[in-house]
Amino acid sequence: MELLIPLWLPILLSAAAIWVISLIVWMALPHHKQDFIGLPDEDGFMDYIRRSGIKPGNYVFPDFRDREAMKSEKMQKALKEGPVGHLSVWQTPVTMGGKMVATFIVYLVVSTLIAYLTRVALPGPAEFAKVFQIAATAGILAYSFSFIPNALWFGAYKRTIIGSFIDGIVYGLITGAIFAWRWPH
């Protein structure tokens, strides 16, 4: 803990900066506008979900979670012919407050881990460039690569993966710059 006490300001500043920048990226910039597309018969689909009583949760179709079911002819046919996918049904009413707070907490944890790693690598005063190099690299690793396995498994579009990857590079560079700027001397 003693390692991190002198770094409380860059931890807090970098988490807050990434939180604000990510809000701008998702709300104002155009490159994530096509990450999701609408359904052809949205009203009919939503009516079906309501009538079916499907509760909030994460669903997969066809349900191939069981190894034995995977071997069945019926499942093999369903997987071959499709559709195959996943469905996330959110709790209503959808509110942003809790998600925004949780996102800030994630960024705070990431910044704390970056502070720890950078402090272990540079236990004392260091030049701006060296602090930037280590903290930015850790930030890029955290923000650019952590989501990719889920994106690949759950069918994100290539442009979504690339856009998020680039966002992560920007977030990592900002994190590195804040740590280098506020590194204790």
N, C-alpha and C. Protein backbone atom coordinates (compact mmCIF):
# COMPACT_ATOMS: atom_id res chain seq x y z
N MET A 1 0.82 -1.19 0.00
CA MET A 1 0.00 0.00 0.00
C MET A 1 0.87 1.25 0.00
N GLU A 2 2.00 1.19 0.69
CA GLU A 2 2.90 2.35 0.73
C GLU A 2 3.37 2.73 -0.67
N LEU A 3 3.47 1.73 -1.54
CA LEU A 3 3.86 2.01 -2.92
C LEU A 3 2.87 2.93 -3.62
N LEU A 4 1.59 2.80 -3.29
CA LEU A 4 0.55 3.48 -4.03
C LEU A 4 0.12 4.82 -3.44
N ILE A 5 0.40 5.06 -2.17
CA ILE A 5 -0.05 6.31 -1.53
C ILE A 5 0.44 7.55 -2.29
N PRO A 6 1.72 7.62 -2.70
CA PRO A 6 2.14 8.81 -3.45
C PRO A 6 1.52 8.92 -4.84
N LEU A 7 0.86 7.86 -5.28
CA LEU A 7 0.30 7.85 -6.63
C LEU A 7 -1.22 8.03 -6.65
N TRP A 8 -1.81 8.44 -5.53
CA TRP A 8 -3.25 8.58 -5.48
C TRP A 8 -3.77 9.58 -6.51
N LEU A 9 -3.03 10.67 -6.75
CA LEU A 9 -3.50 11.68 -7.69
C LEU A 9 -3.49 11.16 -9.14
N PRO A 10 -2.38 10.58 -9.64
CA PRO A 10 -2.47 10.07 -11.01
C PRO A 10 -3.47 8.91 -11.16
N ILE A 11 -3.65 8.12 -10.11
CA ILE A 11 -4.66 7.05 -10.16
C ILE A 11 -6.04 7.67 -10.37
N LEU A 12 -6.38 8.63 -9.55
CA LEU A 12 -7.69 9.26 -9.63
C LEU A 12 -7.86 10.06 -10.92
N LEU A 13 -6.84 10.83 -11.30
CA LEU A 13 -6.92 11.64 -12.52
C LEU A 13 -7.05 10.77 -13.77
N SER A 14 -6.28 9.70 -13.84
CA SER A 14 -6.34 8.85 -15.04
C SER A 14 -7.67 8.13 -15.12
N ALA A 15 -8.18 7.62 -14.00
CA ALA A 15 -9.49 6.96 -14.01
C ALA A 15 -10.58 7.94 -14.44
N ALA A 16 -10.55 9.15 -13.88
CA ALA A 16 -11.56 10.16 -14.23
C ALA A 16 -11.43 10.57 -15.70
N ALA A 17 -10.20 10.75 -16.18
CA ALA A 17 -10.00 11.15 -17.58
C ALA A 17 -10.51 10.08 -18.53
N ILE A 18 -10.21 8.83 -18.26
CA ILE A 18 -10.65 7.75 -19.14
C ILE A 18 -12.17 7.62 -19.08
N TRP A 19 -12.75 7.82 -17.92
CA TRP A 19 -14.20 7.76 -17.79
C TRP A 19 -14.86 8.84 -18.65
N VAL A 20 -14.36 10.07 -18.56
CA VAL A 20 -14.92 11.18 -19.34
C VAL A 20 -14.68 10.95 -20.84
N ILE A 21 -13.47 10.56 -21.20
CA ILE A 21 -13.15 10.35 -22.63
C ILE A 21 -14.00 9.21 -23.19
N SER A 22 -14.18 8.14 -22.41
CA SER A 22 -14.98 7.02 -22.91
C SER A 22 -16.44 7.44 -23.10
N LEU A 23 -16.94 8.30 -22.24
CA LEU A 23 -18.30 8.82 -22.43
C LEU A 23 -18.40 9.60 -23.74
N ILE A 24 -17.41 10.43 -23.99
CA ILE A 24 -17.39 11.21 -25.23
C ILE A 24 -17.30 10.28 -26.44
N VAL A 25 -16.40 9.28 -26.34
CA VAL A 25 -16.23 8.34 -27.44
C VAL A 25 -17.55 7.64 -27.76
N TRP A 26 -18.25 7.17 -26.75
CA TRP A 26 -19.46 6.39 -26.98
C TRP A 26 -20.68 7.25 -27.30
N MET A 27 -20.71 8.48 -26.79
CA MET A 27 -21.90 9.30 -27.00
C MET A 27 -21.78 10.26 -28.18
N ALA A 28 -20.59 10.73 -28.47
CA ALA A 28 -20.45 11.81 -29.46
C ALA A 28 -19.73 11.40 -30.74
N LEU A 29 -18.80 10.49 -30.66
CA LEU A 29 -18.04 10.13 -31.85
C LEU A 29 -18.79 9.08 -32.67
N PRO A 30 -18.59 9.08 -33.97
CA PRO A 30 -19.40 8.20 -34.83
C PRO A 30 -18.93 6.75 -34.96
N HIS A 31 -17.72 6.42 -34.54
CA HIS A 31 -17.19 5.11 -34.90
C HIS A 31 -17.82 3.92 -34.16
N HIS A 32 -18.65 4.15 -33.15
CA HIS A 32 -19.34 3.03 -32.49
C HIS A 32 -20.83 2.99 -32.83
N LYS A 33 -21.28 3.87 -33.70
CA LYS A 33 -22.70 3.95 -34.02
C LYS A 33 -23.22 2.69 -34.71
N GLN A 34 -22.35 1.93 -35.38
CA GLN A 34 -22.77 0.72 -36.09
C GLN A 34 -22.35 -0.56 -35.37
N ASP A 35 -21.98 -0.45 -34.08
CA ASP A 35 -21.60 -1.65 -33.33
C ASP A 35 -22.76 -2.62 -33.18
N PHE A 36 -23.98 -2.11 -33.16
CA PHE A 36 -25.18 -2.92 -33.07
C PHE A 36 -26.12 -2.47 -34.18
N ILE A 37 -26.93 -3.40 -34.65
CA ILE A 37 -27.90 -3.04 -35.69
C ILE A 37 -29.30 -3.40 -35.19
N GLY A 38 -30.30 -2.79 -35.79
CA GLY A 38 -31.67 -3.06 -35.41
C GLY A 38 -32.21 -4.33 -36.03
N LEU A 39 -33.26 -4.85 -35.45
CA LEU A 39 -33.92 -6.04 -35.97
C LEU A 39 -34.91 -5.66 -37.06
N PRO A 40 -35.13 -6.56 -38.03
CA PRO A 40 -36.07 -6.25 -39.11
C PRO A 40 -37.50 -6.01 -38.61
N ASP A 41 -37.97 -6.80 -37.67
CA ASP A 41 -39.31 -6.63 -37.10
C ASP A 41 -39.16 -6.43 -35.60
N GLU A 42 -38.60 -5.29 -35.23
CA GLU A 42 -38.30 -5.02 -33.83
C GLU A 42 -39.54 -5.11 -32.94
N ASP A 43 -40.64 -4.51 -33.36
CA ASP A 43 -41.86 -4.54 -32.54
C ASP A 43 -42.35 -5.97 -32.33
N GLY A 44 -42.38 -6.76 -33.40
CA GLY A 44 -42.80 -8.15 -33.28
C GLY A 44 -41.88 -8.96 -32.38
N PHE A 45 -40.59 -8.73 -32.52
CA PHE A 45 -39.62 -9.43 -31.68
C PHE A 45 -39.81 -9.06 -30.21
N MET A 46 -39.95 -7.77 -29.94
CA MET A 46 -40.13 -7.33 -28.55
C MET A 46 -41.43 -7.87 -27.97
N ASP A 47 -42.49 -7.89 -28.78
CA ASP A 47 -43.76 -8.48 -28.32
C ASP A 47 -43.57 -9.95 -27.98
N TYR A 48 -42.83 -10.67 -28.83
CA TYR A 48 -42.57 -12.09 -28.57
C TYR A 48 -41.82 -12.27 -27.24
N ILE A 49 -40.81 -11.46 -27.01
CA ILE A 49 -40.04 -11.56 -25.75
C ILE A 49 -40.97 -11.32 -24.55
N ARG A 50 -41.80 -10.30 -24.64
CA ARG A 50 -42.74 -10.00 -23.54
C ARG A 50 -43.70 -11.17 -23.32
N ARG A 51 -44.31 -11.65 -24.41
CA ARG A 51 -45.28 -12.75 -24.30
C ARG A 51 -44.64 -14.03 -23.77
N SER A 52 -43.40 -14.27 -24.12
CA SER A 52 -42.72 -15.50 -23.72
C SER A 52 -42.31 -15.48 -22.26
N GLY A 53 -42.32 -14.30 -21.64
CA GLY A 53 -41.92 -14.22 -20.24
C GLY A 53 -40.42 -14.39 -20.03
N ILE A 54 -39.64 -14.11 -21.05
CA ILE A 54 -38.19 -14.23 -20.93
C ILE A 54 -37.69 -13.17 -19.95
N LYS A 55 -37.05 -13.60 -18.91
CA LYS A 55 -36.55 -12.72 -17.86
C LYS A 55 -35.19 -12.13 -18.26
N PRO A 56 -34.78 -11.04 -17.61
CA PRO A 56 -33.45 -10.50 -17.88
C PRO A 56 -32.38 -11.57 -17.66
N GLY A 57 -31.44 -11.64 -18.57
CA GLY A 57 -30.38 -12.63 -18.49
C GLY A 57 -29.64 -12.73 -19.81
N ASN A 58 -28.69 -13.63 -19.87
CA ASN A 58 -27.90 -13.87 -21.08
C ASN A 58 -28.22 -15.27 -21.58
N TYR A 59 -28.73 -15.33 -22.80
CA TYR A 59 -29.21 -16.58 -23.38
C TYR A 59 -28.38 -16.95 -24.60
N VAL A 60 -28.33 -18.25 -24.88
CA VAL A 60 -27.66 -18.76 -26.07
C VAL A 60 -28.66 -19.64 -26.82
N PHE A 61 -28.63 -19.56 -28.13
CA PHE A 61 -29.51 -20.42 -28.92
C PHE A 61 -28.78 -20.92 -30.16
N PRO A 62 -28.96 -22.20 -30.46
CA PRO A 62 -29.62 -23.21 -29.63
C PRO A 62 -28.81 -23.44 -28.34
N ASP A 63 -29.44 -24.05 -27.36
CA ASP A 63 -28.80 -24.25 -26.06
C ASP A 63 -27.82 -25.42 -26.15
N PHE A 64 -26.57 -25.10 -26.43
CA PHE A 64 -25.56 -26.16 -26.61
C PHE A 64 -24.57 -26.20 -25.45
N ARG A 65 -25.03 -25.84 -24.27
CA ARG A 65 -24.14 -25.85 -23.10
C ARG A 65 -23.79 -27.25 -22.61
N ASP A 66 -24.61 -28.22 -22.89
CA ASP A 66 -24.40 -29.59 -22.42
C ASP A 66 -23.61 -30.39 -23.46
N ARG A 67 -22.56 -31.06 -23.03
CA ARG A 67 -21.72 -31.83 -23.96
C ARG A 67 -22.50 -32.94 -24.66
N GLU A 68 -23.37 -33.57 -23.92
CA GLU A 68 -24.16 -34.65 -24.51
C GLU A 68 -25.10 -34.11 -25.58
N ALA A 69 -25.70 -32.94 -25.30
CA ALA A 69 -26.60 -32.33 -26.28
C ALA A 69 -25.85 -31.96 -27.55
N MET A 70 -24.60 -31.59 -27.41
CA MET A 70 -23.79 -31.21 -28.58
C MET A 70 -23.63 -32.38 -29.55
N LYS A 71 -23.67 -33.59 -29.03
CA LYS A 71 -23.47 -34.77 -29.87
C LYS A 71 -24.73 -35.18 -30.62
N SER A 72 -25.87 -34.66 -30.20
CA SER A 72 -27.13 -35.10 -30.80
C SER A 72 -27.24 -34.60 -32.24
N GLU A 73 -27.96 -35.39 -33.02
CA GLU A 73 -28.18 -35.03 -34.43
C GLU A 73 -28.99 -33.73 -34.53
N LYS A 74 -29.96 -33.59 -33.63
CA LYS A 74 -30.80 -32.39 -33.62
C LYS A 74 -29.93 -31.14 -33.41
N MET A 75 -29.01 -31.19 -32.46
CA MET A 75 -28.16 -30.05 -32.16
C MET A 75 -27.21 -29.76 -33.31
N GLN A 76 -26.63 -30.78 -33.88
CA GLN A 76 -25.72 -30.59 -35.00
C GLN A 76 -26.44 -29.91 -36.17
N LYS A 77 -27.68 -30.34 -36.40
CA LYS A 77 -28.48 -29.74 -37.48
C LYS A 77 -28.78 -28.27 -37.15
N ALA A 78 -29.17 -28.00 -35.91
CA ALA A 78 -29.50 -26.63 -35.50
C ALA A 78 -28.27 -25.72 -35.61
N LEU A 79 -27.11 -26.23 -35.22
CA LEU A 79 -25.89 -25.43 -35.30
C LEU A 79 -25.47 -25.18 -36.75
N LYS A 80 -25.75 -26.15 -37.60
CA LYS A 80 -25.37 -26.02 -39.01
C LYS A 80 -26.33 -25.07 -39.75
N GLU A 81 -27.62 -25.21 -39.51
CA GLU A 81 -28.62 -24.44 -40.25
C GLU A 81 -28.87 -23.05 -39.67
N GLY A 82 -28.66 -22.90 -38.35
CA GLY A 82 -28.87 -21.61 -37.71
C GLY A 82 -30.33 -21.28 -37.55
N PRO A 83 -30.64 -20.14 -37.01
CA PRO A 83 -29.67 -19.17 -36.53
C PRO A 83 -29.02 -19.63 -35.23
N VAL A 84 -27.81 -19.13 -35.01
CA VAL A 84 -27.05 -19.40 -33.79
C VAL A 84 -26.66 -18.05 -33.22
N GLY A 85 -26.82 -17.88 -31.93
CA GLY A 85 -26.46 -16.59 -31.36
C GLY A 85 -26.65 -16.53 -29.87
N HIS A 86 -26.58 -15.31 -29.40
CA HIS A 86 -26.82 -15.06 -27.99
C HIS A 86 -27.71 -13.84 -27.87
N LEU A 87 -28.39 -13.74 -26.74
CA LEU A 87 -29.34 -12.67 -26.51
C LEU A 87 -29.14 -12.19 -25.08
N SER A 88 -28.96 -10.90 -24.93
CA SER A 88 -28.90 -10.30 -23.60
C SER A 88 -30.16 -9.50 -23.39
N VAL A 89 -30.91 -9.83 -22.36
CA VAL A 89 -32.12 -9.11 -22.01
C VAL A 89 -31.82 -8.35 -20.73
N TRP A 90 -31.95 -7.04 -20.78
CA TRP A 90 -31.60 -6.18 -19.65
C TRP A 90 -32.78 -6.00 -18.70
N GLN A 91 -32.44 -5.72 -17.47
CA GLN A 91 -33.43 -5.36 -16.46
C GLN A 91 -34.03 -4.00 -16.83
N THR A 92 -35.33 -3.87 -16.70
CA THR A 92 -35.96 -2.57 -16.96
C THR A 92 -36.43 -1.95 -15.65
N PRO A 93 -36.52 -0.66 -15.55
CA PRO A 93 -36.13 0.31 -16.58
C PRO A 93 -34.60 0.39 -16.68
N VAL A 94 -34.14 0.67 -17.90
CA VAL A 94 -32.70 0.79 -18.12
C VAL A 94 -32.26 2.14 -17.55
N THR A 95 -31.30 2.08 -16.64
CA THR A 95 -30.76 3.31 -16.06
C THR A 95 -29.26 3.35 -16.31
N MET A 96 -28.74 4.53 -16.47
CA MET A 96 -27.32 4.68 -16.77
C MET A 96 -26.47 4.90 -15.52
N GLY A 97 -27.05 5.42 -14.46
CA GLY A 97 -26.28 5.79 -13.27
C GLY A 97 -25.42 4.67 -12.71
N GLY A 98 -26.03 3.53 -12.47
CA GLY A 98 -25.28 2.40 -11.90
C GLY A 98 -24.19 1.90 -12.82
N LYS A 99 -24.48 1.88 -14.12
CA LYS A 99 -23.49 1.42 -15.09
C LYS A 99 -22.33 2.41 -15.17
N MET A 100 -22.63 3.70 -15.05
CA MET A 100 -21.58 4.71 -15.09
C MET A 100 -20.68 4.63 -13.86
N VAL A 101 -21.29 4.42 -12.70
CA VAL A 101 -20.50 4.28 -11.46
C VAL A 101 -19.63 3.02 -11.54
N ALA A 102 -20.22 1.92 -11.99
CA ALA A 102 -19.46 0.66 -12.09
C ALA A 102 -18.30 0.80 -13.07
N THR A 103 -18.53 1.51 -14.18
CA THR A 103 -17.46 1.73 -15.15
C THR A 103 -16.33 2.54 -14.54
N PHE A 104 -16.68 3.58 -13.78
CA PHE A 104 -15.63 4.38 -13.12
C PHE A 104 -14.84 3.51 -12.15
N ILE A 105 -15.51 2.64 -11.43
CA ILE A 105 -14.80 1.75 -10.49
C ILE A 105 -13.83 0.84 -11.24
N VAL A 106 -14.25 0.32 -12.39
CA VAL A 106 -13.35 -0.51 -13.20
C VAL A 106 -12.12 0.30 -13.61
N TYR A 107 -12.33 1.52 -14.09
CA TYR A 107 -11.20 2.37 -14.49
C TYR A 107 -10.31 2.70 -13.31
N LEU A 108 -10.89 2.87 -12.13
CA LEU A 108 -10.10 3.13 -10.92
C LEU A 108 -9.24 1.92 -10.56
N VAL A 109 -9.80 0.73 -10.68
CA VAL A 109 -9.02 -0.49 -10.41
C VAL A 109 -7.90 -0.64 -11.44
N VAL A 110 -8.21 -0.41 -12.72
CA VAL A 110 -7.19 -0.50 -13.76
C VAL A 110 -6.07 0.50 -13.49
N SER A 111 -6.43 1.73 -13.16
CA SER A 111 -5.41 2.76 -12.87
C SER A 111 -4.58 2.39 -11.65
N THR A 112 -5.21 1.78 -10.65
CA THR A 112 -4.47 1.35 -9.46
C THR A 112 -3.47 0.26 -9.82
N LEU A 113 -3.87 -0.70 -10.64
CA LEU A 113 -2.96 -1.76 -11.07
C LEU A 113 -1.83 -1.21 -11.94
N ILE A 114 -2.15 -0.25 -12.80
CA ILE A 114 -1.11 0.39 -13.61
C ILE A 114 -0.14 1.14 -12.70
N ALA A 115 -0.66 1.82 -11.68
CA ALA A 115 0.20 2.51 -10.72
C ALA A 115 1.13 1.53 -10.02
N TYR A 116 0.57 0.40 -9.59
CA TYR A 116 1.38 -0.61 -8.92
C TYR A 116 2.49 -1.12 -9.83
N LEU A 117 2.13 -1.50 -11.03
CA LEU A 117 3.12 -2.03 -11.98
C LEU A 117 4.20 -0.99 -12.28
N THR A 118 3.78 0.24 -12.53
CA THR A 118 4.74 1.29 -12.85
C THR A 118 5.64 1.58 -11.66
N ARG A 119 5.09 1.57 -10.45
CA ARG A 119 5.88 1.84 -9.24
C ARG A 119 6.88 0.72 -8.98
N VAL A 120 6.49 -0.51 -9.24
CA VAL A 120 7.42 -1.63 -9.06
C VAL A 120 8.56 -1.52 -10.07
N ALA A 121 8.23 -1.13 -11.30
CA ALA A 121 9.26 -0.98 -12.34
C ALA A 121 10.14 0.24 -12.10
N LEU A 122 9.54 1.29 -11.53
CA LEU A 122 10.27 2.54 -11.27
C LEU A 122 10.05 2.95 -9.82
N PRO A 123 10.83 2.40 -8.90
CA PRO A 123 10.57 2.65 -7.48
C PRO A 123 10.84 4.08 -7.01
N GLY A 124 11.57 4.84 -7.77
CA GLY A 124 11.89 6.20 -7.35
C GLY A 124 11.56 7.20 -8.43
N PRO A 125 12.15 8.39 -8.31
CA PRO A 125 11.93 9.39 -9.36
C PRO A 125 12.38 8.86 -10.72
N ALA A 126 11.66 9.28 -11.75
CA ALA A 126 11.99 8.81 -13.09
C ALA A 126 11.64 9.89 -14.10
N GLU A 127 12.25 9.79 -15.26
CA GLU A 127 11.97 10.74 -16.33
C GLU A 127 10.57 10.51 -16.89
N PHE A 128 10.02 11.59 -17.41
CA PHE A 128 8.68 11.57 -18.00
C PHE A 128 8.56 10.43 -19.01
N ALA A 129 9.54 10.33 -19.91
CA ALA A 129 9.47 9.34 -21.00
C ALA A 129 9.42 7.91 -20.46
N LYS A 130 10.18 7.63 -19.41
CA LYS A 130 10.22 6.27 -18.86
C LYS A 130 8.90 5.92 -18.17
N VAL A 131 8.38 6.86 -17.40
CA VAL A 131 7.08 6.63 -16.74
C VAL A 131 6.00 6.44 -17.80
N PHE A 132 6.02 7.31 -18.81
CA PHE A 132 5.05 7.22 -19.89
C PHE A 132 5.14 5.87 -20.58
N GLN A 133 6.35 5.42 -20.86
CA GLN A 133 6.55 4.16 -21.57
C GLN A 133 5.89 3.00 -20.82
N ILE A 134 6.12 2.91 -19.54
CA ILE A 134 5.61 1.78 -18.75
C ILE A 134 4.11 1.91 -18.52
N ALA A 135 3.67 3.08 -18.07
CA ALA A 135 2.24 3.25 -17.75
C ALA A 135 1.38 3.18 -19.02
N ALA A 136 1.84 3.77 -20.12
CA ALA A 136 1.07 3.71 -21.37
C ALA A 136 0.99 2.29 -21.91
N THR A 137 2.09 1.56 -21.82
CA THR A 137 2.08 0.17 -22.28
C THR A 137 1.09 -0.65 -21.46
N ALA A 138 1.12 -0.48 -20.15
CA ALA A 138 0.18 -1.20 -19.29
C ALA A 138 -1.26 -0.78 -19.60
N GLY A 139 -1.47 0.51 -19.85
CA GLY A 139 -2.80 1.00 -20.19
C GLY A 139 -3.30 0.44 -21.50
N ILE A 140 -2.42 0.40 -22.49
CA ILE A 140 -2.82 -0.16 -23.79
C ILE A 140 -3.15 -1.65 -23.64
N LEU A 141 -2.35 -2.36 -22.88
CA LEU A 141 -2.66 -3.78 -22.65
C LEU A 141 -4.03 -3.94 -21.99
N ALA A 142 -4.30 -3.12 -20.98
CA ALA A 142 -5.56 -3.24 -20.25
C ALA A 142 -6.76 -2.85 -21.11
N TYR A 143 -6.65 -1.73 -21.79
CA TYR A 143 -7.80 -1.20 -22.50
C TYR A 143 -7.98 -1.74 -23.92
N SER A 144 -6.91 -2.20 -24.54
CA SER A 144 -7.02 -2.65 -25.93
C SER A 144 -7.18 -4.16 -26.09
N PHE A 145 -6.76 -4.92 -25.14
CA PHE A 145 -6.75 -6.37 -25.33
C PHE A 145 -7.74 -7.13 -24.44
N SER A 146 -8.18 -6.55 -23.35
CA SER A 146 -8.99 -7.31 -22.39
C SER A 146 -10.33 -7.77 -22.97
N PHE A 147 -10.90 -7.02 -23.87
CA PHE A 147 -12.23 -7.34 -24.39
C PHE A 147 -12.20 -8.27 -25.61
N ILE A 148 -11.05 -8.42 -26.25
CA ILE A 148 -11.00 -9.10 -27.54
C ILE A 148 -11.48 -10.56 -27.50
N PRO A 149 -11.09 -11.37 -26.51
CA PRO A 149 -11.61 -12.75 -26.52
C PRO A 149 -13.14 -12.81 -26.50
N ASN A 150 -13.79 -12.00 -25.66
CA ASN A 150 -15.26 -12.00 -25.64
C ASN A 150 -15.82 -11.49 -26.96
N ALA A 151 -15.20 -10.48 -27.53
CA ALA A 151 -15.67 -9.95 -28.81
C ALA A 151 -15.59 -11.01 -29.90
N LEU A 152 -14.52 -11.79 -29.88
CA LEU A 152 -14.38 -12.86 -30.88
C LEU A 152 -15.40 -13.97 -30.66
N TRP A 153 -15.55 -14.39 -29.41
CA TRP A 153 -16.46 -15.48 -29.12
C TRP A 153 -17.92 -15.10 -29.34
N PHE A 154 -18.26 -13.85 -29.06
CA PHE A 154 -19.67 -13.46 -29.12
C PHE A 154 -20.02 -12.67 -30.37
N GLY A 155 -19.17 -12.74 -31.38
CA GLY A 155 -19.54 -12.29 -32.70
C GLY A 155 -19.51 -10.79 -32.96
N ALA A 156 -18.66 -10.05 -32.28
CA ALA A 156 -18.57 -8.62 -32.58
C ALA A 156 -18.06 -8.42 -34.01
N TYR A 157 -18.52 -7.37 -34.62
CA TYR A 157 -18.05 -7.05 -35.97
C TYR A 157 -16.57 -6.68 -35.92
N LYS A 158 -15.87 -6.94 -37.02
CA LYS A 158 -14.45 -6.59 -37.08
C LYS A 158 -14.25 -5.10 -36.85
N ARG A 159 -15.11 -4.26 -37.42
CA ARG A 159 -14.97 -2.81 -37.23
C ARG A 159 -15.16 -2.43 -35.76
N THR A 160 -16.02 -3.17 -35.04
CA THR A 160 -16.22 -2.90 -33.62
C THR A 160 -14.96 -3.24 -32.85
N ILE A 161 -14.35 -4.38 -33.17
CA ILE A 161 -13.11 -4.78 -32.49
C ILE A 161 -12.01 -3.77 -32.78
N ILE A 162 -11.88 -3.38 -34.03
CA ILE A 162 -10.82 -2.43 -34.40
C ILE A 162 -11.07 -1.08 -33.74
N GLY A 163 -12.30 -0.61 -33.77
CA GLY A 163 -12.63 0.68 -33.13
C GLY A 163 -12.34 0.66 -31.64
N SER A 164 -12.73 -0.41 -30.97
CA SER A 164 -12.47 -0.54 -29.53
C SER A 164 -10.99 -0.67 -29.24
N PHE A 165 -10.27 -1.35 -30.11
CA PHE A 165 -8.82 -1.49 -29.97
C PHE A 165 -8.15 -0.12 -30.06
N ILE A 166 -8.57 0.68 -31.02
CA ILE A 166 -8.01 2.03 -31.17
C ILE A 166 -8.38 2.90 -29.97
N ASP A 167 -9.63 2.79 -29.52
CA ASP A 167 -10.02 3.50 -28.29
C ASP A 167 -9.07 3.14 -27.15
N GLY A 168 -8.77 1.84 -27.02
CA GLY A 168 -7.89 1.38 -25.95
C GLY A 168 -6.49 1.96 -26.05
N ILE A 169 -5.99 2.10 -27.26
CA ILE A 169 -4.67 2.73 -27.43
C ILE A 169 -4.72 4.17 -26.94
N VAL A 170 -5.77 4.89 -27.31
CA VAL A 170 -5.91 6.28 -26.87
C VAL A 170 -6.00 6.33 -25.35
N TYR A 171 -6.82 5.47 -24.75
CA TYR A 171 -6.97 5.46 -23.29
C TYR A 171 -5.62 5.14 -22.62
N GLY A 172 -4.88 4.19 -23.19
CA GLY A 172 -3.58 3.84 -22.62
C GLY A 172 -2.59 4.99 -22.71
N LEU A 173 -2.57 5.69 -23.85
CA LEU A 173 -1.67 6.82 -24.01
C LEU A 173 -2.03 7.96 -23.05
N ILE A 174 -3.31 8.20 -22.88
CA ILE A 174 -3.74 9.23 -21.92
C ILE A 174 -3.34 8.84 -20.51
N THR A 175 -3.55 7.59 -20.16
CA THR A 175 -3.16 7.11 -18.83
C THR A 175 -1.65 7.28 -18.63
N GLY A 176 -0.86 6.89 -19.63
CA GLY A 176 0.59 7.03 -19.52
C GLY A 176 1.00 8.48 -19.36
N ALA A 177 0.37 9.38 -20.11
CA ALA A 177 0.71 10.80 -20.02
C ALA A 177 0.37 11.37 -18.64
N ILE A 178 -0.76 10.97 -18.08
CA ILE A 178 -1.14 11.47 -16.75
C ILE A 178 -0.18 10.94 -15.69
N PHE A 179 0.16 9.67 -15.77
CA PHE A 179 1.12 9.14 -14.79
C PHE A 179 2.48 9.81 -14.92
N ALA A 180 2.94 10.01 -16.15
CA ALA A 180 4.25 10.66 -16.35
C ALA A 180 4.21 12.10 -15.85
N TRP A 181 3.11 12.80 -16.06
CA TRP A 181 2.97 14.19 -15.65
C TRP A 181 2.94 14.32 -14.14
N ARG A 182 2.26 13.39 -13.45
CA ARG A 182 2.07 13.49 -12.00
C ARG A 182 2.95 12.53 -11.20
N TRP A 183 3.97 11.96 -11.85
CA TRP A 183 4.85 11.02 -11.15
C TRP A 183 5.60 11.76 -10.05
N PRO A 184 5.66 11.17 -8.84
CA PRO A 184 6.35 11.86 -7.73
C PRO A 184 7.86 11.99 -7.98
N HIS A 185 8.37 13.15 -7.66
CA HIS A 185 9.81 13.40 -7.82
C HIS A 185 10.52 13.46 -6.49
